[in-house]
PDB file of N, CA and C in Angstrom:
ATOM      1  N   UNK A   1       6.095  -9.099   4.648  1.00  0.00           N
ATOM      2  CA  UNK A   1       5.302 -10.322   4.664  1.00  0.00           C
ATOM      3  C   UNK A   1       4.312 -10.287   3.500  1.00  0.00           C
ATOM      4  N   UNK A   2       4.173 -11.395   2.847  1.00  0.00           N
ATOM      5  CA  UNK A   2       3.296 -11.482   1.676  1.00  0.00           C
ATOM      6  C   UNK A   2       1.825 -11.411   2.078  1.00  0.00           C
ATOM      7  N   UNK A   3       1.045 -10.771   1.234  1.00  0.00           N
ATOM      8  CA  UNK A   3      -0.401 -10.712   1.432  1.00  0.00           C
ATOM      9  C   UNK A   3      -0.967 -12.117   1.259  1.00  0.00           C
ATOM     10  N   UNK A   4      -1.852 -12.495   2.155  1.00  0.00           N
ATOM     11  CA  UNK A   4      -2.523 -13.794   2.059  1.00  0.00           C
ATOM     12  C   UNK A   4      -3.785 -13.639   1.218  1.00  0.00           C
ATOM     13  N   UNK A   5      -3.796 -14.342   0.090  1.00  0.00           N
ATOM     14  CA  UNK A   5      -4.948 -14.323  -0.804  1.00  0.00           C
ATOM     15  C   UNK A   5      -4.909 -15.626  -1.595  1.00  0.00           C
ATOM     16  N   UNK A   6      -6.045 -16.209  -1.813  1.00  0.00           N
ATOM     17  CA  UNK A   6      -6.084 -17.467  -2.563  1.00  0.00           C
ATOM     18  C   UNK A   6      -5.740 -17.206  -4.030  1.00  0.00           C
ATOM     19  N   UNK A   7      -5.289 -18.255  -4.694  1.00  0.00           N
ATOM     20  CA  UNK A   7      -5.007 -18.133  -6.126  1.00  0.00           C
ATOM     21  C   UNK A   7      -6.258 -17.722  -6.890  1.00  0.00           C
ATOM     22  N   UNK A   8      -7.395 -18.249  -6.490  1.00  0.00           N
ATOM     23  CA  UNK A   8      -8.653 -17.923  -7.173  1.00  0.00           C
ATOM     24  C   UNK A   8      -9.000 -16.454  -7.004  1.00  0.00           C
ATOM     25  N   UNK A   9      -8.807 -15.920  -5.796  1.00  0.00           N
ATOM     26  CA  UNK A   9      -9.096 -14.503  -5.554  1.00  0.00           C
ATOM     27  C   UNK A   9      -8.114 -13.609  -6.305  1.00  0.00           C
ATOM     28  N   UNK A  10      -6.855 -14.028  -6.378  1.00  0.00           N
ATOM     29  CA  UNK A  10      -5.856 -13.276  -7.131  1.00  0.00           C
ATOM     30  C   UNK A  10      -6.255 -13.240  -8.610  1.00  0.00           C
ATOM     31  N   UNK A  11      -6.585 -14.404  -9.156  1.00  0.00           N
ATOM     32  CA  UNK A  11      -6.984 -14.482 -10.559  1.00  0.00           C
ATOM     33  C   UNK A  11      -8.223 -13.630 -10.825  1.00  0.00           C
ATOM     34  N   UNK A  12      -9.141 -13.617  -9.880  1.00  0.00           N
ATOM     35  CA  UNK A  12     -10.342 -12.791 -10.018  1.00  0.00           C
ATOM     36  C   UNK A  12      -9.979 -11.306 -10.029  1.00  0.00           C
ATOM     37  N   UNK A  13      -8.972 -10.919  -9.244  1.00  0.00           N
ATOM     38  CA  UNK A  13      -8.523  -9.522  -9.232  1.00  0.00           C
ATOM     39  C   UNK A  13      -7.901  -9.147 -10.579  1.00  0.00           C
ATOM     40  N   UNK A  14      -7.186 -10.077 -11.201  1.00  0.00           N
ATOM     41  CA  UNK A  14      -6.635  -9.822 -12.535  1.00  0.00           C
ATOM     42  C   UNK A  14      -7.777  -9.662 -13.532  1.00  0.00           C
ATOM     43  N   UNK A  15      -8.772 -10.525 -13.462  1.00  0.00           N
ATOM     44  CA  UNK A  15      -9.937 -10.417 -14.356  1.00  0.00           C
ATOM     45  C   UNK A  15     -10.655  -9.090 -14.154  1.00  0.00           C
ATOM     46  N   UNK A  16     -10.794  -8.698 -12.905  1.00  0.00           N
ATOM     47  CA  UNK A  16     -11.442  -7.418 -12.594  1.00  0.00           C
ATOM     48  C   UNK A  16     -10.636  -6.253 -13.174  1.00  0.00           C
ATOM     49  N   UNK A  17      -9.308  -6.329 -13.057  1.00  0.00           N
ATOM     50  CA  UNK A  17      -8.456  -5.282 -13.623  1.00  0.00           C
ATOM     51  C   UNK A  17      -8.650  -5.198 -15.131  1.00  0.00           C
ATOM     52  N   UNK A  18      -8.734  -6.337 -15.787  1.00  0.00           N
ATOM     53  CA  UNK A  18      -8.976  -6.343 -17.232  1.00  0.00           C
ATOM     54  C   UNK A  18     -10.344  -5.751 -17.568  1.00  0.00           C
ATOM     55  N   UNK A  19     -11.335  -6.036 -16.721  1.00  0.00           N
ATOM     56  CA  UNK A  19     -12.674  -5.493 -16.939  1.00  0.00           C
ATOM     57  C   UNK A  19     -12.698  -3.967 -16.821  1.00  0.00           C
ATOM     58  N   UNK A  20     -11.736  -3.399 -16.089  1.00  0.00           N
ATOM     59  CA  UNK A  20     -11.678  -1.950 -15.891  1.00  0.00           C
ATOM     60  C   UNK A  20     -11.006  -1.221 -17.061  1.00  0.00           C
ATOM     61  N   UNK A  21     -10.322  -1.977 -17.921  1.00  0.00           N
ATOM     62  CA  UNK A  21      -9.674  -1.366 -19.084  1.00  0.00           C
ATOM     63  C   UNK A  21     -10.760  -0.995 -20.087  1.00  0.00           C
ATOM     64  N   UNK A  22     -10.745   0.232 -20.580  1.00  0.00           N
ATOM     65  CA  UNK A  22     -11.783   0.640 -21.540  1.00  0.00           C
ATOM     66  C   UNK A  22     -11.836  -0.292 -22.753  1.00  0.00           C
ATOM     67  N   UNK A  23     -13.043  -0.572 -23.204  1.00  0.00           N
ATOM     68  CA  UNK A  23     -13.234  -1.532 -24.297  1.00  0.00           C
ATOM     69  C   UNK A  23     -12.529  -1.104 -25.577  1.00  0.00           C
ATOM     70  N   UNK A  24     -12.376   0.204 -25.803  1.00  0.00           N
ATOM     71  CA  UNK A  24     -11.701   0.630 -27.028  1.00  0.00           C
ATOM     72  C   UNK A  24     -10.234   0.184 -27.052  1.00  0.00           C
ATOM     73  N   UNK A  25      -9.644  -0.060 -25.874  1.00  0.00           N
ATOM     74  CA  UNK A  25      -8.285  -0.599 -25.815  1.00  0.00           C
ATOM     75  C   UNK A  25      -8.304  -2.129 -25.858  1.00  0.00           C
ATOM     76  N   UNK A  26      -9.216  -2.719 -25.095  1.00  0.00           N
ATOM     77  CA  UNK A  26      -9.298  -4.183 -25.083  1.00  0.00           C
ATOM     78  C   UNK A  26      -9.619  -4.735 -26.466  1.00  0.00           C
ATOM     79  N   UNK A  27     -10.450  -4.025 -27.199  1.00  0.00           N
ATOM     80  CA  UNK A  27     -10.819  -4.491 -28.535  1.00  0.00           C
ATOM     81  C   UNK A  27      -9.617  -4.550 -29.481  1.00  0.00           C
ATOM     82  N   UNK A  28      -8.573  -3.785 -29.171  1.00  0.00           N
ATOM     83  CA  UNK A  28      -7.367  -3.762 -30.006  1.00  0.00           C
ATOM     84  C   UNK A  28      -6.346  -4.824 -29.608  1.00  0.00           C
ATOM     85  N   UNK A  29      -6.584  -5.494 -28.493  1.00  0.00           N
ATOM     86  CA  UNK A  29      -5.653  -6.542 -28.047  1.00  0.00           C
ATOM     87  C   UNK A  29      -5.869  -7.783 -28.901  1.00  0.00           C
ATOM     88  N   UNK A  30      -5.278  -7.766 -30.065  1.00  0.00           N
ATOM     89  CA  UNK A  30      -5.421  -8.854 -31.017  1.00  0.00           C
ATOM     90  C   UNK A  30      -4.278  -9.837 -30.849  1.00  0.00           C
ATOM     91  N   UNK A  31      -4.607 -11.113 -30.723  1.00  0.00           N
ATOM     92  CA  UNK A  31      -3.612 -12.182 -30.607  1.00  0.00           C
ATOM     93  C   UNK A  31      -2.762 -12.007 -29.345  1.00  0.00           C
ATOM     94  N   UNK A  32      -3.421 -11.722 -28.234  1.00  0.00           N
ATOM     95  CA  UNK A  32      -2.755 -11.533 -26.939  1.00  0.00           C
ATOM     96  C   UNK A  32      -3.498 -12.356 -25.894  1.00  0.00           C
ATOM     97  N   UNK A  33      -2.741 -13.055 -25.060  1.00  0.00           N
ATOM     98  CA  UNK A  33      -3.316 -13.796 -23.958  1.00  0.00           C
ATOM     99  C   UNK A  33      -2.736 -13.249 -22.649  1.00  0.00           C
ATOM    100  N   UNK A  34      -3.575 -13.162 -21.623  1.00  0.00           N
ATOM    101  CA  UNK A  34      -3.132 -12.718 -20.305  1.00  0.00           C
ATOM    102  C   UNK A  34      -3.096 -13.941 -19.398  1.00  0.00           C
ATOM    103  N   UNK A  35      -1.945 -14.168 -18.794  1.00  0.00           N
ATOM    104  CA  UNK A  35      -1.734 -15.334 -17.937  1.00  0.00           C
ATOM    105  C   UNK A  35      -1.218 -14.893 -16.571  1.00  0.00           C
ATOM    106  N   UNK A  36      -1.562 -15.673 -15.552  1.00  0.00           N
ATOM    107  CA  UNK A  36      -1.006 -15.462 -14.214  1.00  0.00           C
ATOM    108  C   UNK A  36      -0.038 -16.598 -13.945  1.00  0.00           C
ATOM    109  N   UNK A  37       1.166 -16.237 -13.528  1.00  0.00           N
ATOM    110  CA  UNK A  37       2.175 -17.218 -13.144  1.00  0.00           C
ATOM    111  C   UNK A  37       2.633 -16.900 -11.725  1.00  0.00           C
ATOM    112  N   UNK A  38       3.128 -17.920 -11.040  1.00  0.00           N
ATOM    113  CA  UNK A  38       3.567 -17.714  -9.664  1.00  0.00           C
ATOM    114  C   UNK A  38       4.784 -16.812  -9.565  1.00  0.00           C
ATOM    115  N   UNK A  39       5.808 -17.082 -10.376  1.00  0.00           N
ATOM    116  CA  UNK A  39       7.070 -16.349 -10.298  1.00  0.00           C
ATOM    117  C   UNK A  39       7.629 -16.129 -11.692  1.00  0.00           C
ATOM    118  N   UNK A  40       8.400 -15.054 -11.870  1.00  0.00           N
ATOM    119  CA  UNK A  40       9.083 -14.869 -13.153  1.00  0.00           C
ATOM    120  C   UNK A  40      10.214 -15.882 -13.296  1.00  0.00           C
ATOM    121  N   UNK A  41      10.609 -16.138 -14.537  1.00  0.00           N
ATOM    122  CA  UNK A  41      11.707 -17.078 -14.788  1.00  0.00           C
ATOM    123  C   UNK A  41      12.997 -16.589 -14.147  1.00  0.00           C
ATOM    124  N   UNK A  42      13.207 -15.268 -14.126  1.00  0.00           N
ATOM    125  CA  UNK A  42      14.387 -14.684 -13.500  1.00  0.00           C
ATOM    126  C   UNK A  42      13.930 -13.778 -12.361  1.00  0.00           C
ATOM    127  N   UNK A  43      13.776 -14.331 -11.163  1.00  0.00           N
ATOM    128  CA  UNK A  43      13.204 -13.557 -10.061  1.00  0.00           C
ATOM    129  C   UNK A  43      14.090 -12.411  -9.574  1.00  0.00           C
ATOM    130  N   UNK A  44      15.329 -12.362  -9.975  1.00  0.00           N
ATOM    131  CA  UNK A  44      16.232 -11.321  -9.516  1.00  0.00           C
ATOM    132  C   UNK A  44      15.941  -9.936 -10.057  1.00  0.00           C
ATOM    133  N   UNK A  45      15.094  -9.833 -11.062  1.00  0.00           N
ATOM    134  CA  UNK A  45      14.835  -8.533 -11.676  1.00  0.00           C
ATOM    135  C   UNK A  45      13.685  -7.767 -11.022  1.00  0.00           C
ATOM    136  N   UNK A  46      12.958  -8.365 -10.122  1.00  0.00           N
ATOM    137  CA  UNK A  46      11.891  -7.675  -9.410  1.00  0.00           C
ATOM    138  C   UNK A  46      10.718  -7.256 -10.265  1.00  0.00           C
ATOM    139  N   UNK A  47      10.440  -7.995 -11.329  1.00  0.00           N
ATOM    140  CA  UNK A  47       9.322  -7.627 -12.193  1.00  0.00           C
ATOM    141  C   UNK A  47       8.003  -8.135 -11.621  1.00  0.00           C
ATOM    142  N   UNK A  48       6.953  -7.378 -11.856  1.00  0.00           N
ATOM    143  CA  UNK A  48       5.608  -7.745 -11.408  1.00  0.00           C
ATOM    144  C   UNK A  48       4.792  -8.337 -12.543  1.00  0.00           C
ATOM    145  N   UNK A  49       5.178  -7.996 -13.758  1.00  0.00           N
ATOM    146  CA  UNK A  49       4.507  -8.488 -14.950  1.00  0.00           C
ATOM    147  C   UNK A  49       5.459  -8.393 -16.121  1.00  0.00           C
ATOM    148  N   UNK A  50       5.054  -8.965 -17.248  1.00  0.00           N
ATOM    149  CA  UNK A  50       5.917  -8.968 -18.426  1.00  0.00           C
ATOM    150  C   UNK A  50       5.055  -9.060 -19.675  1.00  0.00           C
ATOM    151  N   UNK A  51       5.406  -8.257 -20.676  1.00  0.00           N
ATOM    152  CA  UNK A  51       4.800  -8.373 -21.993  1.00  0.00           C
ATOM    153  C   UNK A  51       5.819  -9.033 -22.900  1.00  0.00           C
ATOM    154  N   UNK A  52       5.399 -10.111 -23.565  1.00  0.00           N
ATOM    155  CA  UNK A  52       6.247 -10.804 -24.534  1.00  0.00           C
ATOM    156  C   UNK A  52       5.512 -10.836 -25.859  1.00  0.00           C
ATOM    157  N   UNK A  53       6.112 -10.282 -26.894  1.00  0.00           N
ATOM    158  CA  UNK A  53       5.470 -10.342 -28.194  1.00  0.00           C
ATOM    159  C   UNK A  53       5.908  -9.227 -29.105  1.00  0.00           C
ATOM    160  N   UNK A  54       5.106  -8.995 -30.109  1.00  0.00           N
ATOM    161  CA  UNK A  54       5.359  -7.957 -31.100  1.00  0.00           C
ATOM    162  C   UNK A  54       4.376  -6.819 -30.825  1.00  0.00           C
ATOM    163  N   UNK A  55       4.882  -5.677 -30.346  1.00  0.00           N
ATOM    164  CA  UNK A  55       3.980  -4.557 -30.048  1.00  0.00           C
ATOM    165  C   UNK A  55       3.189  -4.127 -31.281  1.00  0.00           C
ATOM    166  N   UNK A  56       2.007  -3.642 -31.055  1.00  0.00           N
ATOM    167  CA  UNK A  56       1.108  -3.248 -32.130  1.00  0.00           C
ATOM    168  C   UNK A  56       1.766  -2.317 -33.159  1.00  0.00           C
ATOM    169  N   UNK A  57       2.527  -1.285 -32.741  1.00  0.00           N
ATOM    170  CA  UNK A  57       3.123  -0.399 -33.746  1.00  0.00           C
ATOM    171  C   UNK A  57       4.156  -1.087 -34.647  1.00  0.00           C
ATOM    172  N   UNK A  58       4.669  -2.231 -34.231  1.00  0.00           N
ATOM    173  CA  UNK A  58       5.673  -2.943 -35.026  1.00  0.00           C
ATOM    174  C   UNK A  58       5.057  -4.002 -35.941  1.00  0.00           C
ATOM    175  N   UNK A  59       3.771  -4.213 -35.831  1.00  0.00           N
ATOM    176  CA  UNK A  59       3.106  -5.196 -36.692  1.00  0.00           C
ATOM    177  C   UNK A  59       2.849  -4.562 -38.051  1.00  0.00           C
ATOM    178  N   UNK A  60       3.129  -5.325 -39.093  1.00  0.00           N
ATOM    179  CA  UNK A  60       2.901  -4.817 -40.435  1.00  0.00           C
ATOM    180  C   UNK A  60       2.021  -5.786 -41.209  1.00  0.00           C
ATOM    181  N   UNK A  61       1.941  -5.592 -42.508  1.00  0.00           N
ATOM    182  CA  UNK A  61       1.052  -6.425 -43.320  1.00  0.00           C
ATOM    183  C   UNK A  61       1.510  -7.884 -43.372  1.00  0.00           C
ATOM    184  N   UNK A  62       2.740  -8.159 -42.972  1.00  0.00           N
ATOM    185  CA  UNK A  62       3.246  -9.530 -42.965  1.00  0.00           C
ATOM    186  C   UNK A  62       3.005 -10.229 -41.632  1.00  0.00           C
ATOM    187  N   UNK A  63       2.445  -9.501 -40.662  1.00  0.00           N
ATOM    188  CA  UNK A  63       2.162 -10.091 -39.354  1.00  0.00           C
ATOM    189  C   UNK A  63       1.045 -11.119 -39.510  1.00  0.00           C
ATOM    190  N   UNK A  64       1.274 -12.319 -39.034  1.00  0.00           N
ATOM    191  CA  UNK A  64       0.247 -13.353 -39.087  1.00  0.00           C
ATOM    192  C   UNK A  64       0.858 -14.713 -38.835  1.00  0.00           C
ATOM    193  N   UNK A  65       0.026 -15.661 -38.539  1.00  0.00           N
ATOM    194  CA  UNK A  65       0.444 -17.034 -38.283  1.00  0.00           C
ATOM    195  C   UNK A  65       1.539 -17.109 -37.225  1.00  0.00           C
ATOM    196  N   UNK A  66       1.364 -16.314 -36.163  1.00  0.00           N
ATOM    197  CA  UNK A  66       2.318 -16.332 -35.051  1.00  0.00           C
ATOM    198  C   UNK A  66       1.578 -16.707 -33.773  1.00  0.00           C
ATOM    199  N   UNK A  67       2.319 -17.253 -32.834  1.00  0.00           N
ATOM    200  CA  UNK A  67       1.735 -17.555 -31.533  1.00  0.00           C
ATOM    201  C   UNK A  67       1.277 -16.259 -30.876  1.00  0.00           C
ATOM    202  N   UNK A  68       0.292 -16.342 -29.994  1.00  0.00           N
ATOM    203  CA  UNK A  68      -0.185 -15.125 -29.330  1.00  0.00           C
ATOM    204  C   UNK A  68       0.912 -14.465 -28.493  1.00  0.00           C
ATOM    205  N   UNK A  69       0.867 -13.142 -28.440  1.00  0.00           N
ATOM    206  CA  UNK A  69       1.675 -12.404 -27.481  1.00  0.00           C
ATOM    207  C   UNK A  69       1.188 -12.804 -26.097  1.00  0.00           C
ATOM    208  N   UNK A  70       2.058 -12.608 -25.109  1.00  0.00           N
ATOM    209  CA  UNK A  70       1.678 -12.978 -23.741  1.00  0.00           C
ATOM    210  C   UNK A  70       1.884 -11.800 -22.802  1.00  0.00           C
ATOM    211  N   UNK A  71       0.895 -11.582 -21.971  1.00  0.00           N
ATOM    212  CA  UNK A  71       1.031 -10.685 -20.829  1.00  0.00           C
ATOM    213  C   UNK A  71       1.019 -11.585 -19.608  1.00  0.00           C
ATOM    214  N   UNK A  72       2.127 -11.547 -18.872  1.00  0.00           N
ATOM    215  CA  UNK A  72       2.268 -12.380 -17.681  1.00  0.00           C
ATOM    216  C   UNK A  72       2.151 -11.498 -16.448  1.00  0.00           C
ATOM    217  N   UNK A  73       1.328 -11.912 -15.515  1.00  0.00           N
ATOM    218  CA  UNK A  73       1.172 -11.240 -14.230  1.00  0.00           C
ATOM    219  C   UNK A  73       1.713 -12.200 -13.173  1.00  0.00           C
ATOM    220  N   UNK A  74       2.677 -11.731 -12.378  1.00  0.00           N
ATOM    221  CA  UNK A  74       3.366 -12.610 -11.429  1.00  0.00           C
ATOM    222  C   UNK A  74       2.796 -12.483 -10.020  1.00  0.00           C
ATOM    223  N   UNK A  75       2.185 -13.559  -9.583  1.00  0.00           N
ATOM    224  CA  UNK A  75       1.499 -13.627  -8.299  1.00  0.00           C
ATOM    225  C   UNK A  75       2.449 -13.374  -7.119  1.00  0.00           C
ATOM    226  N   UNK A  76       3.558 -14.097  -7.060  1.00  0.00           N
ATOM    227  CA  UNK A  76       4.469 -14.016  -5.914  1.00  0.00           C
ATOM    228  C   UNK A  76       5.020 -12.625  -5.666  1.00  0.00           C
ATOM    229  N   UNK A  77       5.647 -12.002  -6.664  1.00  0.00           N
ATOM    230  CA  UNK A  77       6.196 -10.660  -6.440  1.00  0.00           C
ATOM    231  C   UNK A  77       5.137  -9.632  -6.045  1.00  0.00           C
ATOM    232  N   UNK A  78       3.964  -9.720  -6.648  1.00  0.00           N
ATOM    233  CA  UNK A  78       2.900  -8.782  -6.292  1.00  0.00           C
ATOM    234  C   UNK A  78       2.444  -8.987  -4.854  1.00  0.00           C
ATOM    235  N   UNK A  79       2.280 -10.223  -4.440  1.00  0.00           N
ATOM    236  CA  UNK A  79       1.851 -10.497  -3.066  1.00  0.00           C
ATOM    237  C   UNK A  79       2.904 -10.044  -2.058  1.00  0.00           C
ATOM    238  N   UNK A  80       4.168 -10.191  -2.406  1.00  0.00           N
ATOM    239  CA  UNK A  80       5.245  -9.780  -1.485  1.00  0.00           C
ATOM    240  C   UNK A  80       5.405  -8.264  -1.423  1.00  0.00           C
ATOM    241  N   UNK A  81       5.064  -7.577  -2.508  1.00  0.00           N
ATOM    242  CA  UNK A  81       5.216  -6.131  -2.558  1.00  0.00           C
ATOM    243  C   UNK A  81       4.204  -5.404  -1.688  1.00  0.00           C
ATOM    244  N   UNK A  82       2.994  -5.942  -1.619  1.00  0.00           N
ATOM    245  CA  UNK A  82       1.871  -5.214  -1.028  1.00  0.00           C
ATOM    246  C   UNK A  82       1.644  -5.580   0.437  1.00  0.00           C
ATOM    247  N   UNK A  83       1.089  -4.612   1.172  1.00  0.00           N
ATOM    248  CA  UNK A  83       0.846  -4.805   2.591  1.00  0.00           C
ATOM    249  C   UNK A  83      -0.588  -5.161   2.942  1.00  0.00           C
ATOM    250  N   UNK A  84      -1.488  -5.093   1.961  1.00  0.00           N
ATOM    251  CA  UNK A  84      -2.889  -5.422   2.225  1.00  0.00           C
ATOM    252  C   UNK A  84      -3.525  -5.918   0.936  1.00  0.00           C
ATOM    253  N   UNK A  85      -4.669  -6.541   1.078  1.00  0.00           N
ATOM    254  CA  UNK A  85      -5.399  -7.016  -0.105  1.00  0.00           C
ATOM    255  C   UNK A  85      -5.812  -5.832  -0.973  1.00  0.00           C
ATOM    256  N   UNK A  86      -6.253  -4.737  -0.354  1.00  0.00           N
ATOM    257  CA  UNK A  86      -6.647  -3.558  -1.135  1.00  0.00           C
ATOM    258  C   UNK A  86      -5.475  -3.011  -1.944  1.00  0.00           C
ATOM    259  N   UNK A  87      -4.308  -2.939  -1.313  1.00  0.00           N
ATOM    260  CA  UNK A  87      -3.120  -2.467  -2.013  1.00  0.00           C
ATOM    261  C   UNK A  87      -2.750  -3.431  -3.148  1.00  0.00           C
ATOM    262  N   UNK A  88      -2.885  -4.729  -2.889  1.00  0.00           N
ATOM    263  CA  UNK A  88      -2.591  -5.736  -3.901  1.00  0.00           C
ATOM    264  C   UNK A  88      -3.509  -5.587  -5.110  1.00  0.00           C
ATOM    265  N   UNK A  89      -4.792  -5.428  -4.881  1.00  0.00           N
ATOM    266  CA  UNK A  89      -5.755  -5.274  -5.972  1.00  0.00           C
ATOM    267  C   UNK A  89      -5.414  -4.034  -6.794  1.00  0.00           C
ATOM    268  N   UNK A  90      -5.049  -2.947  -6.120  1.00  0.00           N
ATOM    269  CA  UNK A  90      -4.664  -1.727  -6.832  1.00  0.00           C
ATOM    270  C   UNK A  90      -3.406  -1.953  -7.664  1.00  0.00           C
ATOM    271  N   UNK A  91      -2.415  -2.630  -7.088  1.00  0.00           N
ATOM    272  CA  UNK A  91      -1.150  -2.873  -7.806  1.00  0.00           C
ATOM    273  C   UNK A  91      -1.350  -3.845  -8.973  1.00  0.00           C
ATOM    274  N   UNK A  92      -2.254  -4.795  -8.825  1.00  0.00           N
ATOM    275  CA  UNK A  92      -2.586  -5.681  -9.946  1.00  0.00           C
ATOM    276  C   UNK A  92      -3.139  -4.837 -11.096  1.00  0.00           C
ATOM    277  N   UNK A  93      -4.021  -3.906 -10.789  1.00  0.00           N
ATOM    278  CA  UNK A  93      -4.577  -3.028 -11.815  1.00  0.00           C
ATOM    279  C   UNK A  93      -3.510  -2.213 -12.515  1.00  0.00           C
ATOM    280  N   UNK A  94      -2.575  -1.666 -11.750  1.00  0.00           N
ATOM    281  CA  UNK A  94      -1.477  -0.885 -12.337  1.00  0.00           C
ATOM    282  C   UNK A  94      -0.618  -1.778 -13.226  1.00  0.00           C
ATOM    283  N   UNK A  95      -0.335  -2.994 -12.765  1.00  0.00           N
ATOM    284  CA  UNK A  95       0.511  -3.914 -13.522  1.00  0.00           C
ATOM    285  C   UNK A  95      -0.163  -4.329 -14.829  1.00  0.00           C
ATOM    286  N   UNK A  96      -1.447  -4.606 -14.777  1.00  0.00           N
ATOM    287  CA  UNK A  96      -2.180  -4.973 -15.989  1.00  0.00           C
ATOM    288  C   UNK A  96      -2.125  -3.830 -17.005  1.00  0.00           C
ATOM    289  N   UNK A  97      -2.401  -2.608 -16.569  1.00  0.00           N
ATOM    290  CA  UNK A  97      -2.356  -1.455 -17.470  1.00  0.00           C
ATOM    291  C   UNK A  97      -0.940  -1.273 -18.020  1.00  0.00           C
ATOM    292  N   UNK A  98       0.059  -1.412 -17.163  1.00  0.00           N
ATOM    293  CA  UNK A  98       1.456  -1.259 -17.559  1.00  0.00           C
ATOM    294  C   UNK A  98       1.811  -2.229 -18.686  1.00  0.00           C
ATOM    295  N   UNK A  99       1.438  -3.484 -18.534  1.00  0.00           N
ATOM    296  CA  UNK A  99       1.784  -4.485 -19.553  1.00  0.00           C
ATOM    297  C   UNK A  99       0.975  -4.298 -20.833  1.00  0.00           C
ATOM    298  N   UNK A 100      -0.274  -3.902 -20.720  1.00  0.00           N
ATOM    299  CA  UNK A 100      -1.065  -3.603 -21.916  1.00  0.00           C
ATOM    300  C   UNK A 100      -0.443  -2.422 -22.660  1.00  0.00           C
ATOM    301  N   UNK A 101       0.055  -1.445 -21.925  1.00  0.00           N
ATOM    302  CA  UNK A 101       0.697  -0.289 -22.559  1.00  0.00           C
ATOM    303  C   UNK A 101       1.918  -0.718 -23.369  1.00  0.00           C
ATOM    304  N   UNK A 102       2.659  -1.725 -22.888  1.00  0.00           N
ATOM    305  CA  UNK A 102       3.788  -2.239 -23.668  1.00  0.00           C
ATOM    306  C   UNK A 102       3.303  -2.820 -24.994  1.00  0.00           C
ATOM    307  N   UNK A 103       2.153  -3.485 -24.996  1.00  0.00           N
ATOM    308  CA  UNK A 103       1.575  -3.988 -26.244  1.00  0.00           C
ATOM    309  C   UNK A 103       1.365  -2.842 -27.230  1.00  0.00           C
ATOM    310  N   UNK A 104       0.950  -1.688 -26.722  1.00  0.00           N
ATOM    311  CA  UNK A 104       0.715  -0.527 -27.574  1.00  0.00           C
ATOM    312  C   UNK A 104       1.998   0.229 -27.920  1.00  0.00           C
ATOM    313  N   UNK A 105       3.138  -0.303 -27.488  1.00  0.00           N
ATOM    314  CA  UNK A 105       4.425   0.267 -27.874  1.00  0.00           C
ATOM    315  C   UNK A 105       5.025   1.254 -26.901  1.00  0.00           C
ATOM    316  N   UNK A 106       4.436   1.429 -25.743  1.00  0.00           N
ATOM    317  CA  UNK A 106       4.987   2.365 -24.769  1.00  0.00           C
ATOM    318  C   UNK A 106       6.135   1.703 -24.012  1.00  0.00           C
ATOM    319  N   UNK A 107       7.185   2.490 -23.735  1.00  0.00           N
ATOM    320  CA  UNK A 107       8.298   1.951 -22.962  1.00  0.00           C
ATOM    321  C   UNK A 107       8.175   2.383 -21.495  1.00  0.00           C
ATOM    322  N   UNK A 108       9.073   1.852 -20.672  1.00  0.00           N
ATOM    323  CA  UNK A 108       8.997   2.123 -19.232  1.00  0.00           C
ATOM    324  C   UNK A 108       9.153   3.605 -18.907  1.00  0.00           C
ATOM    325  N   UNK A 109       9.996   4.326 -19.636  1.00  0.00           N
ATOM    326  CA  UNK A 109      10.163   5.760 -19.376  1.00  0.00           C
ATOM    327  C   UNK A 109       8.868   6.516 -19.627  1.00  0.00           C
ATOM    328  N   UNK A 110       8.183   6.195 -20.726  1.00  0.00           N
ATOM    329  CA  UNK A 110       6.902   6.840 -21.015  1.00  0.00           C
ATOM    330  C   UNK A 110       5.884   6.512 -19.920  1.00  0.00           C
ATOM    331  N   UNK A 111       5.864   5.262 -19.488  1.00  0.00           N
ATOM    332  CA  UNK A 111       4.912   4.866 -18.449  1.00  0.00           C
ATOM    333  C   UNK A 111       5.230   5.551 -17.127  1.00  0.00           C
ATOM    334  N   UNK A 112       6.502   5.683 -16.794  1.00  0.00           N
ATOM    335  CA  UNK A 112       6.895   6.414 -15.586  1.00  0.00           C
ATOM    336  C   UNK A 112       6.407   7.850 -15.649  1.00  0.00           C
ATOM    337  N   UNK A 113       6.599   8.494 -16.804  1.00  0.00           N
ATOM    338  CA  UNK A 113       6.163   9.887 -16.965  1.00  0.00           C
ATOM    339  C   UNK A 113       4.665  10.050 -16.771  1.00  0.00           C
ATOM    340  N   UNK A 114       3.907   8.982 -17.118  1.00  0.00           N
ATOM    341  CA  UNK A 114       2.452   9.040 -16.986  1.00  0.00           C
ATOM    342  C   UNK A 114       1.955   8.529 -15.622  1.00  0.00           C
ATOM    343  N   UNK A 115       2.890   8.094 -14.762  1.00  0.00           N
ATOM    344  CA  UNK A 115       2.512   7.609 -13.441  1.00  0.00           C
ATOM    345  C   UNK A 115       2.118   6.140 -13.404  1.00  0.00           C
ATOM    346  N   UNK A 116       2.458   5.380 -14.443  1.00  0.00           N
ATOM    347  CA  UNK A 116       2.119   3.964 -14.518  1.00  0.00           C
ATOM    348  C   UNK A 116       3.367   3.081 -14.430  1.00  0.00           C
ATOM    349  N   UNK A 117       4.435   3.622 -13.909  1.00  0.00           N
ATOM    350  CA  UNK A 117       5.712   2.889 -13.848  1.00  0.00           C
ATOM    351  C   UNK A 117       5.750   1.803 -12.837  1.00  0.00           C
TER     352      UNK A 117
END
C-alpha cells in the first residue's frame, strides 16, 4: 500500500534531501534542474528517479548553450515502495543522492558498491 503524503509534503522532503547534500557538491551542479514527477514515462522499469543530461566528466570546452540537465524524482514509485513516511523520506534522500551521483559520472554498479544503489 502506498504511503499517504501530500504532494506538498513530498516536494518538501525532496527539498530537504537537497539541503542535506554538502554545498561543495551542490555548487558543482551547473545547468541542472531537479523536478518531481508523478510517474516515469516507462513505469515498467521500476525506477525511482532519473538523471537526463551530459554528466560532468563528459562536458568539455564546447559544452554550452544547451538545455539544463534534469534530475527527475518519481513520486508514485517512491510512495508505493515505502511502508511509512519516515522510510519514504529516507528513500527520497537516497534517490536524490543517487541521481546527483549520475551527474558526477558514477554508474549504478559504482553506486551499488558504495551502498547508494
